[in-house]
Amino acid sequence: MEKLDTSLAINASMEDGKKIMDAVQAEMDAVACFQIDDGLYEQLTVNTYLKMFAKLSATSTKNLGEIEKKYSVSEIRKKKIKSSP
C-alpha cells in the first residue's frame, strides 16, 4: 500500500491524547474516510443510505425516523436515491 503524504494533528493534553489514541486504536475497523466529492450510492434507498452513514460515523440508528422528518425525506425513505427528487 502506498504511503500517503497527509497528516492529522490534534492538540490535546497528554491525558486526553492517550484517551484519543486508545479510542482510535479500539475503533480502527470503524474508521472511514470521505472525500468532499464522493458521489451518491444511487442504488441505495434513502433509508439504507442514512443507515450506512450512521454506522460509518458510529451514530445510533435508533433516531433515523427523527432525522428523516428533520430533512423531510420520510415520504421518500423507501425510494432509491437515483429516483428521488
PDB file of N, CA and C in Angstrom:
ATOM      1  N   MET A   1       0.845  -1.177   0.000  1.00  0.00           N
ATOM      2  CA  MET A   1       0.000   0.000   0.000  1.00  0.00           C
ATOM      3  C   MET A   1       0.891   1.241   0.000  1.00  0.00           C
ATOM      4  N   GLU A   2       0.530   2.187  -0.789  1.00  0.00           N
ATOM      5  CA  GLU A   2       1.293   3.423  -0.922  1.00  0.00           C
ATOM      6  C   GLU A   2       1.071   4.318   0.294  1.00  0.00           C
ATOM      7  N   LYS A   3       2.160   4.851   0.819  1.00  0.00           N
ATOM      8  CA  LYS A   3       2.059   5.775   1.945  1.00  0.00           C
ATOM      9  C   LYS A   3       1.600   7.137   1.428  1.00  0.00           C
ATOM     10  N   LEU A   4       0.587   7.680   2.063  1.00  0.00           N
ATOM     11  CA  LEU A   4       0.055   8.979   1.674  1.00  0.00           C
ATOM     12  C   LEU A   4       0.834  10.096   2.342  1.00  0.00           C
ATOM     13  N   ASP A   5       0.960  11.185   1.667  1.00  0.00           N
ATOM     14  CA  ASP A   5       1.666  12.346   2.203  1.00  0.00           C
ATOM     15  C   ASP A   5       0.661  13.294   2.851  1.00  0.00           C
ATOM     16  N   THR A   6      -0.015  12.802   3.874  1.00  0.00           N
ATOM     17  CA  THR A   6      -1.002  13.602   4.596  1.00  0.00           C
ATOM     18  C   THR A   6      -0.833  13.356   6.086  1.00  0.00           C
ATOM     19  N   SER A   7      -1.386  14.238   6.890  1.00  0.00           N
ATOM     20  CA  SER A   7      -1.312  14.055   8.334  1.00  0.00           C
ATOM     21  C   SER A   7      -2.528  14.690   8.987  1.00  0.00           C
ATOM     22  N   LEU A   8      -2.745  14.290  10.223  1.00  0.00           N
ATOM     23  CA  LEU A   8      -3.829  14.839  11.032  1.00  0.00           C
ATOM     24  C   LEU A   8      -3.221  15.249  12.360  1.00  0.00           C
ATOM     25  N   ALA A   9      -3.459  16.452  12.778  1.00  0.00           N
ATOM     26  CA  ALA A   9      -2.920  16.937  14.048  1.00  0.00           C
ATOM     27  C   ALA A   9      -4.068  17.247  14.995  1.00  0.00           C
ATOM     28  N   ILE A  10      -3.946  16.745  16.214  1.00  0.00           N
ATOM     29  CA  ILE A  10      -4.938  17.020  17.249  1.00  0.00           C
ATOM     30  C   ILE A  10      -4.183  17.566  18.451  1.00  0.00           C
ATOM     31  N   ASN A  11      -4.510  18.764  18.876  1.00  0.00           N
ATOM     32  CA  ASN A  11      -3.886  19.359  20.058  1.00  0.00           C
ATOM     33  C   ASN A  11      -4.684  18.959  21.289  1.00  0.00           C
ATOM     34  N   ALA A  12      -4.026  18.260  22.209  1.00  0.00           N
ATOM     35  CA  ALA A  12      -4.709  17.798  23.411  1.00  0.00           C
ATOM     36  C   ALA A  12      -3.678  17.632  24.522  1.00  0.00           C
ATOM     37  N   SER A  13      -4.166  17.574  25.738  1.00  0.00           N
ATOM     38  CA  SER A  13      -3.276  17.304  26.864  1.00  0.00           C
ATOM     39  C   SER A  13      -2.772  15.863  26.736  1.00  0.00           C
ATOM     40  N   MET A  14      -1.733  15.518  27.468  1.00  0.00           N
ATOM     41  CA  MET A  14      -1.192  14.153  27.429  1.00  0.00           C
ATOM     42  C   MET A  14      -2.272  13.145  27.813  1.00  0.00           C
ATOM     43  N   GLU A  15      -3.048  13.464  28.831  1.00  0.00           N
ATOM     44  CA  GLU A  15      -4.098  12.557  29.303  1.00  0.00           C
ATOM     45  C   GLU A  15      -5.175  12.378  28.232  1.00  0.00           C
ATOM     46  N   ASP A  16      -5.639  13.500  27.672  1.00  0.00           N
ATOM     47  CA  ASP A  16      -6.656  13.423  26.627  1.00  0.00           C
ATOM     48  C   ASP A  16      -6.095  12.769  25.367  1.00  0.00           C
ATOM     49  N   GLY A  17      -4.824  13.048  25.044  1.00  0.00           N
ATOM     50  CA  GLY A  17      -4.191  12.431  23.885  1.00  0.00           C
ATOM     51  C   GLY A  17      -4.167  10.920  24.005  1.00  0.00           C
ATOM     52  N   LYS A  18      -3.863  10.411  25.197  1.00  0.00           N
ATOM     53  CA  LYS A  18      -3.864   8.956  25.430  1.00  0.00           C
ATOM     54  C   LYS A  18      -5.267   8.396  25.229  1.00  0.00           C
ATOM     55  N   LYS A  19      -6.284   9.089  25.755  1.00  0.00           N
ATOM     56  CA  LYS A  19      -7.671   8.630  25.593  1.00  0.00           C
ATOM     57  C   LYS A  19      -8.055   8.596  24.119  1.00  0.00           C
ATOM     58  N   ILE A  20      -7.657   9.628  23.374  1.00  0.00           N
ATOM     59  CA  ILE A  20      -7.965   9.694  21.941  1.00  0.00           C
ATOM     60  C   ILE A  20      -7.299   8.535  21.216  1.00  0.00           C
ATOM     61  N   MET A  21      -6.019   8.305  21.484  1.00  0.00           N
ATOM     62  CA  MET A  21      -5.291   7.215  20.817  1.00  0.00           C
ATOM     63  C   MET A  21      -5.887   5.854  21.158  1.00  0.00           C
ATOM     64  N   ASP A  22      -6.263   5.652  22.411  1.00  0.00           N
ATOM     65  CA  ASP A  22      -6.886   4.387  22.812  1.00  0.00           C
ATOM     66  C   ASP A  22      -8.204   4.191  22.075  1.00  0.00           C
ATOM     67  N   ALA A  23      -8.995   5.265  21.965  1.00  0.00           N
ATOM     68  CA  ALA A  23     -10.282   5.180  21.270  1.00  0.00           C
ATOM     69  C   ALA A  23     -10.087   4.884  19.789  1.00  0.00           C
ATOM     70  N   VAL A  24      -9.117   5.541  19.172  1.00  0.00           N
ATOM     71  CA  VAL A  24      -8.845   5.317  17.747  1.00  0.00           C
ATOM     72  C   VAL A  24      -8.399   3.881  17.515  1.00  0.00           C
ATOM     73  N   GLN A  25      -7.469   3.396  18.341  1.00  0.00           N
ATOM     74  CA  GLN A  25      -6.984   2.029  18.179  1.00  0.00           C
ATOM     75  C   GLN A  25      -8.094   1.010  18.390  1.00  0.00           C
ATOM     76  N   ALA A  26      -9.005   1.270  19.322  1.00  0.00           N
ATOM     77  CA  ALA A  26     -10.105   0.349  19.591  1.00  0.00           C
ATOM     78  C   ALA A  26     -11.113   0.313  18.451  1.00  0.00           C
ATOM     79  N   GLU A  27     -11.186   1.384  17.674  1.00  0.00           N
ATOM     80  CA  GLU A  27     -12.193   1.501  16.622  1.00  0.00           C
ATOM     81  C   GLU A  27     -11.608   1.473  15.215  1.00  0.00           C
ATOM     82  N   MET A  28     -10.402   0.982  15.043  1.00  0.00           N
ATOM     83  CA  MET A  28      -9.744   1.024  13.737  1.00  0.00           C
ATOM     84  C   MET A  28     -10.592   0.398  12.627  1.00  0.00           C
ATOM     85  N   ASP A  29     -11.355  -0.646  12.920  1.00  0.00           N
ATOM     86  CA  ASP A  29     -12.210  -1.261  11.903  1.00  0.00           C
ATOM     87  C   ASP A  29     -13.342  -0.346  11.478  1.00  0.00           C
ATOM     88  N   ALA A  30     -13.684   0.625  12.330  1.00  0.00           N
ATOM     89  CA  ALA A  30     -14.802   1.517  12.026  1.00  0.00           C
ATOM     90  C   ALA A  30     -14.357   2.838  11.414  1.00  0.00           C
ATOM     91  N   VAL A  31     -13.052   3.015  11.229  1.00  0.00           N
ATOM     92  CA  VAL A  31     -12.551   4.271  10.672  1.00  0.00           C
ATOM     93  C   VAL A  31     -12.926   4.350   9.198  1.00  0.00           C
ATOM     94  N   ALA A  32     -13.436   5.472   8.790  1.00  0.00           N
ATOM     95  CA  ALA A  32     -13.814   5.675   7.392  1.00  0.00           C
ATOM     96  C   ALA A  32     -13.327   7.043   6.943  1.00  0.00           C
ATOM     97  N   CYS A  33     -12.981   7.130   5.694  1.00  0.00           N
ATOM     98  CA  CYS A  33     -12.547   8.395   5.120  1.00  0.00           C
ATOM     99  C   CYS A  33     -13.503   8.777   4.000  1.00  0.00           C
ATOM    100  N   PHE A  34     -13.807  10.045   3.908  1.00  0.00           N
ATOM    101  CA  PHE A  34     -14.704  10.535   2.875  1.00  0.00           C
ATOM    102  C   PHE A  34     -14.052  11.695   2.164  1.00  0.00           C
ATOM    103  N   GLN A  35     -14.285  11.778   0.885  1.00  0.00           N
ATOM    104  CA  GLN A  35     -13.831  12.922   0.129  1.00  0.00           C
ATOM    105  C   GLN A  35     -15.013  13.843  -0.093  1.00  0.00           C
ATOM    106  N   ILE A  36     -14.737  15.117  -0.204  1.00  0.00           N
ATOM    107  CA  ILE A  36     -15.815  16.082  -0.412  1.00  0.00           C
ATOM    108  C   ILE A  36     -16.577  15.780  -1.690  1.00  0.00           C
ATOM    109  N   ASP A  37     -15.897  15.251  -2.696  1.00  0.00           N
ATOM    110  CA  ASP A  37     -16.555  14.991  -3.966  1.00  0.00           C
ATOM    111  C   ASP A  37     -17.066  13.554  -4.109  1.00  0.00           C
ATOM    112  N   ASP A  38     -17.228  12.827  -2.968  1.00  0.00           N
ATOM    113  CA  ASP A  38     -17.792  11.484  -3.040  1.00  0.00           C
ATOM    114  C   ASP A  38     -19.187  11.562  -3.644  1.00  0.00           C
ATOM    115  N   GLY A  39     -19.508  10.629  -4.513  1.00  0.00           N
ATOM    116  CA  GLY A  39     -20.817  10.605  -5.144  1.00  0.00           C
ATOM    117  C   GLY A  39     -21.848   9.887  -4.293  1.00  0.00           C
ATOM    118  N   LEU A  40     -23.054   9.934  -4.727  1.00  0.00           N
ATOM    119  CA  LEU A  40     -24.128   9.225  -4.049  1.00  0.00           C
ATOM    120  C   LEU A  40     -24.134   7.766  -4.482  1.00  0.00           C
ATOM    121  N   TYR A  41     -24.579   6.896  -3.612  1.00  0.00           N
ATOM    122  CA  TYR A  41     -24.772   5.499  -3.952  1.00  0.00           C
ATOM    123  C   TYR A  41     -26.210   5.373  -4.455  1.00  0.00           C
ATOM    124  N   GLU A  42     -26.395   5.619  -5.730  1.00  0.00           N
ATOM    125  CA  GLU A  42     -27.734   5.760  -6.300  1.00  0.00           C
ATOM    126  C   GLU A  42     -28.585   4.493  -6.225  1.00  0.00           C
ATOM    127  N   GLN A  43     -27.947   3.322  -6.048  1.00  0.00           N
ATOM    128  CA  GLN A  43     -28.709   2.086  -5.999  1.00  0.00           C
ATOM    129  C   GLN A  43     -29.350   1.868  -4.622  1.00  0.00           C
ATOM    130  N   LEU A  44     -28.940   2.644  -3.614  1.00  0.00           N
ATOM    131  CA  LEU A  44     -29.487   2.503  -2.267  1.00  0.00           C
ATOM    132  C   LEU A  44     -30.759   3.315  -2.100  1.00  0.00           C
ATOM    133  N   THR A  45     -31.592   2.863  -1.165  1.00  0.00           N
ATOM    134  CA  THR A  45     -32.752   3.673  -0.809  1.00  0.00           C
ATOM    135  C   THR A  45     -32.278   4.786   0.127  1.00  0.00           C
ATOM    136  N   VAL A  46     -33.105   5.805   0.290  1.00  0.00           N
ATOM    137  CA  VAL A  46     -32.767   6.915   1.179  1.00  0.00           C
ATOM    138  C   VAL A  46     -32.518   6.386   2.592  1.00  0.00           C
ATOM    139  N   ASN A  47     -33.367   5.493   3.067  1.00  0.00           N
ATOM    140  CA  ASN A  47     -33.243   4.934   4.408  1.00  0.00           C
ATOM    141  C   ASN A  47     -31.956   4.126   4.561  1.00  0.00           C
ATOM    142  N   THR A  48     -31.630   3.286   3.583  1.00  0.00           N
ATOM    143  CA  THR A  48     -30.409   2.481   3.640  1.00  0.00           C
ATOM    144  C   THR A  48     -29.173   3.375   3.629  1.00  0.00           C
ATOM    145  N   TYR A  49     -29.230   4.437   2.853  1.00  0.00           N
ATOM    146  CA  TYR A  49     -28.130   5.404   2.775  1.00  0.00           C
ATOM    147  C   TYR A  49     -27.893   6.055   4.141  1.00  0.00           C
ATOM    148  N   LEU A  50     -28.979   6.476   4.785  1.00  0.00           N
ATOM    149  CA  LEU A  50     -28.862   7.083   6.113  1.00  0.00           C
ATOM    150  C   LEU A  50     -28.304   6.089   7.125  1.00  0.00           C
ATOM    151  N   LYS A  51     -28.777   4.838   7.080  1.00  0.00           N
ATOM    152  CA  LYS A  51     -28.282   3.799   7.992  1.00  0.00           C
ATOM    153  C   LYS A  51     -26.789   3.560   7.786  1.00  0.00           C
ATOM    154  N   MET A  52     -26.370   3.506   6.519  1.00  0.00           N
ATOM    155  CA  MET A  52     -24.973   3.246   6.208  1.00  0.00           C
ATOM    156  C   MET A  52     -24.076   4.326   6.823  1.00  0.00           C
ATOM    157  N   PHE A  53     -24.435   5.592   6.625  1.00  0.00           N
ATOM    158  CA  PHE A  53     -23.608   6.665   7.159  1.00  0.00           C
ATOM    159  C   PHE A  53     -23.717   6.774   8.669  1.00  0.00           C
ATOM    160  N   ALA A  54     -24.842   6.378   9.242  1.00  0.00           N
ATOM    161  CA  ALA A  54     -24.956   6.351  10.703  1.00  0.00           C
ATOM    162  C   ALA A  54     -23.980   5.321  11.273  1.00  0.00           C
ATOM    163  N   LYS A  55     -23.911   4.151  10.640  1.00  0.00           N
ATOM    164  CA  LYS A  55     -22.986   3.117  11.112  1.00  0.00           C
ATOM    165  C   LYS A  55     -21.539   3.528  10.895  1.00  0.00           C
ATOM    166  N   LEU A  56     -21.236   4.136   9.768  1.00  0.00           N
ATOM    167  CA  LEU A  56     -19.862   4.573   9.490  1.00  0.00           C
ATOM    168  C   LEU A  56     -19.391   5.630  10.470  1.00  0.00           C
ATOM    169  N   SER A  57     -20.314   6.448  10.941  1.00  0.00           N
ATOM    170  CA  SER A  57     -19.938   7.509  11.872  1.00  0.00           C
ATOM    171  C   SER A  57     -20.197   7.127  13.321  1.00  0.00           C
ATOM    172  N   ALA A  58     -20.493   5.844  13.554  1.00  0.00           N
ATOM    173  CA  ALA A  58     -20.749   5.329  14.904  1.00  0.00           C
ATOM    174  C   ALA A  58     -21.906   6.061  15.591  1.00  0.00           C
ATOM    175  N   THR A  59     -22.882   6.461  14.795  1.00  0.00           N
ATOM    176  CA  THR A  59     -24.080   7.118  15.312  1.00  0.00           C
ATOM    177  C   THR A  59     -25.180   6.076  15.439  1.00  0.00           C
ATOM    178  N   SER A  60     -25.999   6.196  16.438  1.00  0.00           N
ATOM    179  CA  SER A  60     -27.091   5.254  16.627  1.00  0.00           C
ATOM    180  C   SER A  60     -28.105   5.366  15.492  1.00  0.00           C
ATOM    181  N   THR A  61     -28.601   4.217  15.038  1.00  0.00           N
ATOM    182  CA  THR A  61     -29.640   4.221  14.001  1.00  0.00           C
ATOM    183  C   THR A  61     -31.035   4.302  14.625  1.00  0.00           C
ATOM    184  N   LYS A  62     -31.117   4.417  15.937  1.00  0.00           N
ATOM    185  CA  LYS A  62     -32.411   4.470  16.624  1.00  0.00           C
ATOM    186  C   LYS A  62     -33.200   5.726  16.284  1.00  0.00           C
ATOM    187  N   ASN A  63     -32.517   6.813  15.944  1.00  0.00           N
ATOM    188  CA  ASN A  63     -33.184   8.096  15.694  1.00  0.00           C
ATOM    189  C   ASN A  63     -33.350   8.404  14.213  1.00  0.00           C
ATOM    190  N   LEU A  64     -33.286   7.392  13.351  1.00  0.00           N
ATOM    191  CA  LEU A  64     -33.407   7.658  11.920  1.00  0.00           C
ATOM    192  C   LEU A  64     -34.750   8.272  11.557  1.00  0.00           C
ATOM    193  N   GLY A  65     -35.807   7.879  12.242  1.00  0.00           N
ATOM    194  CA  GLY A  65     -37.124   8.458  11.988  1.00  0.00           C
ATOM    195  C   GLY A  65     -37.129   9.963  12.217  1.00  0.00           C
ATOM    196  N   GLU A  66     -36.477  10.391  13.289  1.00  0.00           N
ATOM    197  CA  GLU A  66     -36.377  11.828  13.588  1.00  0.00           C
ATOM    198  C   GLU A  66     -35.548  12.548  12.518  1.00  0.00           C
ATOM    199  N   ILE A  67     -34.467  11.910  12.085  1.00  0.00           N
ATOM    200  CA  ILE A  67     -33.611  12.504  11.050  1.00  0.00           C
ATOM    201  C   ILE A  67     -34.379  12.622   9.738  1.00  0.00           C
ATOM    202  N   GLU A  68     -35.134  11.578   9.393  1.00  0.00           N
ATOM    203  CA  GLU A  68     -35.943  11.612   8.166  1.00  0.00           C
ATOM    204  C   GLU A  68     -36.946  12.753   8.212  1.00  0.00           C
ATOM    205  N   LYS A  69     -37.585  12.956   9.357  1.00  0.00           N
ATOM    206  CA  LYS A  69     -38.548  14.055   9.490  1.00  0.00           C
ATOM    207  C   LYS A  69     -37.847  15.408   9.405  1.00  0.00           C
ATOM    208  N   LYS A  70     -36.706  15.530  10.089  1.00  0.00           N
ATOM    209  CA  LYS A  70     -35.969  16.795  10.110  1.00  0.00           C
ATOM    210  C   LYS A  70     -35.594  17.244   8.702  1.00  0.00           C
ATOM    211  N   TYR A  71     -35.194  16.283   7.856  1.00  0.00           N
ATOM    212  CA  TYR A  71     -34.757  16.620   6.496  1.00  0.00           C
ATOM    213  C   TYR A  71     -35.841  16.351   5.446  1.00  0.00           C
ATOM    214  N   SER A  72     -37.065  16.134   5.920  1.00  0.00           N
ATOM    215  CA  SER A  72     -38.239  15.957   5.051  1.00  0.00           C
ATOM    216  C   SER A  72     -38.049  14.864   4.001  1.00  0.00           C
ATOM    217  N   VAL A  73     -37.525  13.721   4.420  1.00  0.00           N
ATOM    218  CA  VAL A  73     -37.359  12.600   3.489  1.00  0.00           C
ATOM    219  C   VAL A  73     -38.190  11.379   3.897  1.00  0.00           C
ATOM    220  N   SER A  74     -39.072  11.546   4.895  1.00  0.00           N
ATOM    221  CA  SER A  74     -39.895  10.429   5.363  1.00  0.00           C
ATOM    222  C   SER A  74     -40.727   9.825   4.242  1.00  0.00           C
ATOM    223  N   GLU A  75     -41.256  10.687   3.372  1.00  0.00           N
ATOM    224  CA  GLU A  75     -42.140  10.217   2.304  1.00  0.00           C
ATOM    225  C   GLU A  75     -41.386   9.436   1.222  1.00  0.00           C
ATOM    226  N   ILE A  76     -40.091   9.666   1.108  1.00  0.00           N
ATOM    227  CA  ILE A  76     -39.313   9.000   0.043  1.00  0.00           C
ATOM    228  C   ILE A  76     -38.298   8.015   0.609  1.00  0.00           C
ATOM    229  N   ARG A  77     -38.420   7.642   1.859  1.00  0.00           N
ATOM    230  CA  ARG A  77     -37.422   6.804   2.534  1.00  0.00           C
ATOM    231  C   ARG A  77     -37.193   5.466   1.857  1.00  0.00           C
ATOM    232  N   LYS A  78     -38.195   4.928   1.170  1.00  0.00           N
ATOM    233  CA  LYS A  78     -38.049   3.625   0.522  1.00  0.00           C
ATOM    234  C   LYS A  78     -37.693   3.731  -0.963  1.00  0.00           C
ATOM    235  N   LYS A  79     -37.551   4.954  -1.463  1.00  0.00           N
ATOM    236  CA  LYS A  79     -37.184   5.144  -2.871  1.00  0.00           C
ATOM    237  C   LYS A  79     -35.673   5.103  -3.024  1.00  0.00           C
ATOM    238  N   LYS A  80     -35.223   4.621  -4.164  1.00  0.00           N
ATOM    239  CA  LYS A  80     -33.794   4.629  -4.438  1.00  0.00           C
ATOM    240  C   LYS A  80     -33.339   6.061  -4.691  1.00  0.00           C
ATOM    241  N   ILE A  81     -32.119   6.343  -4.285  1.00  0.00           N
ATOM    242  CA  ILE A  81     -31.573   7.691  -4.431  1.00  0.00           C
ATOM    243  C   ILE A  81     -31.666   8.144  -5.889  1.00  0.00           C
ATOM    244  N   LYS A  82     -31.412   7.218  -6.796  1.00  0.00           N
ATOM    245  CA  LYS A  82     -31.428   7.545  -8.232  1.00  0.00           C
ATOM    246  C   LYS A  82     -32.786   8.129  -8.654  1.00  0.00           C
ATOM    247  N   SER A  83     -33.855   7.635  -8.057  1.00  0.00           N
ATOM    248  CA  SER A  83     -35.189   8.088  -8.463  1.00  0.00           C
ATOM    249  C   SER A  83     -35.783   9.139  -7.523  1.00  0.00           C
ATOM    250  N   SER A  84     -35.058   9.522  -6.479  1.00  0.00           N
ATOM    251  CA  SER A  84     -35.565  10.520  -5.540  1.00  0.00           C
ATOM    252  C   SER A  84     -35.316  11.922  -6.064  1.00  0.00           C
ATOM    253  N   PRO A  85     -36.244  12.866  -5.713  1.00  0.00           N
ATOM    254  CA  PRO A  85     -36.089  14.244  -6.177  1.00  0.00           C
ATOM    255  C   PRO A  85     -34.897  14.940  -5.559  1.00  0.00           C
TER     256      PRO A  85
END
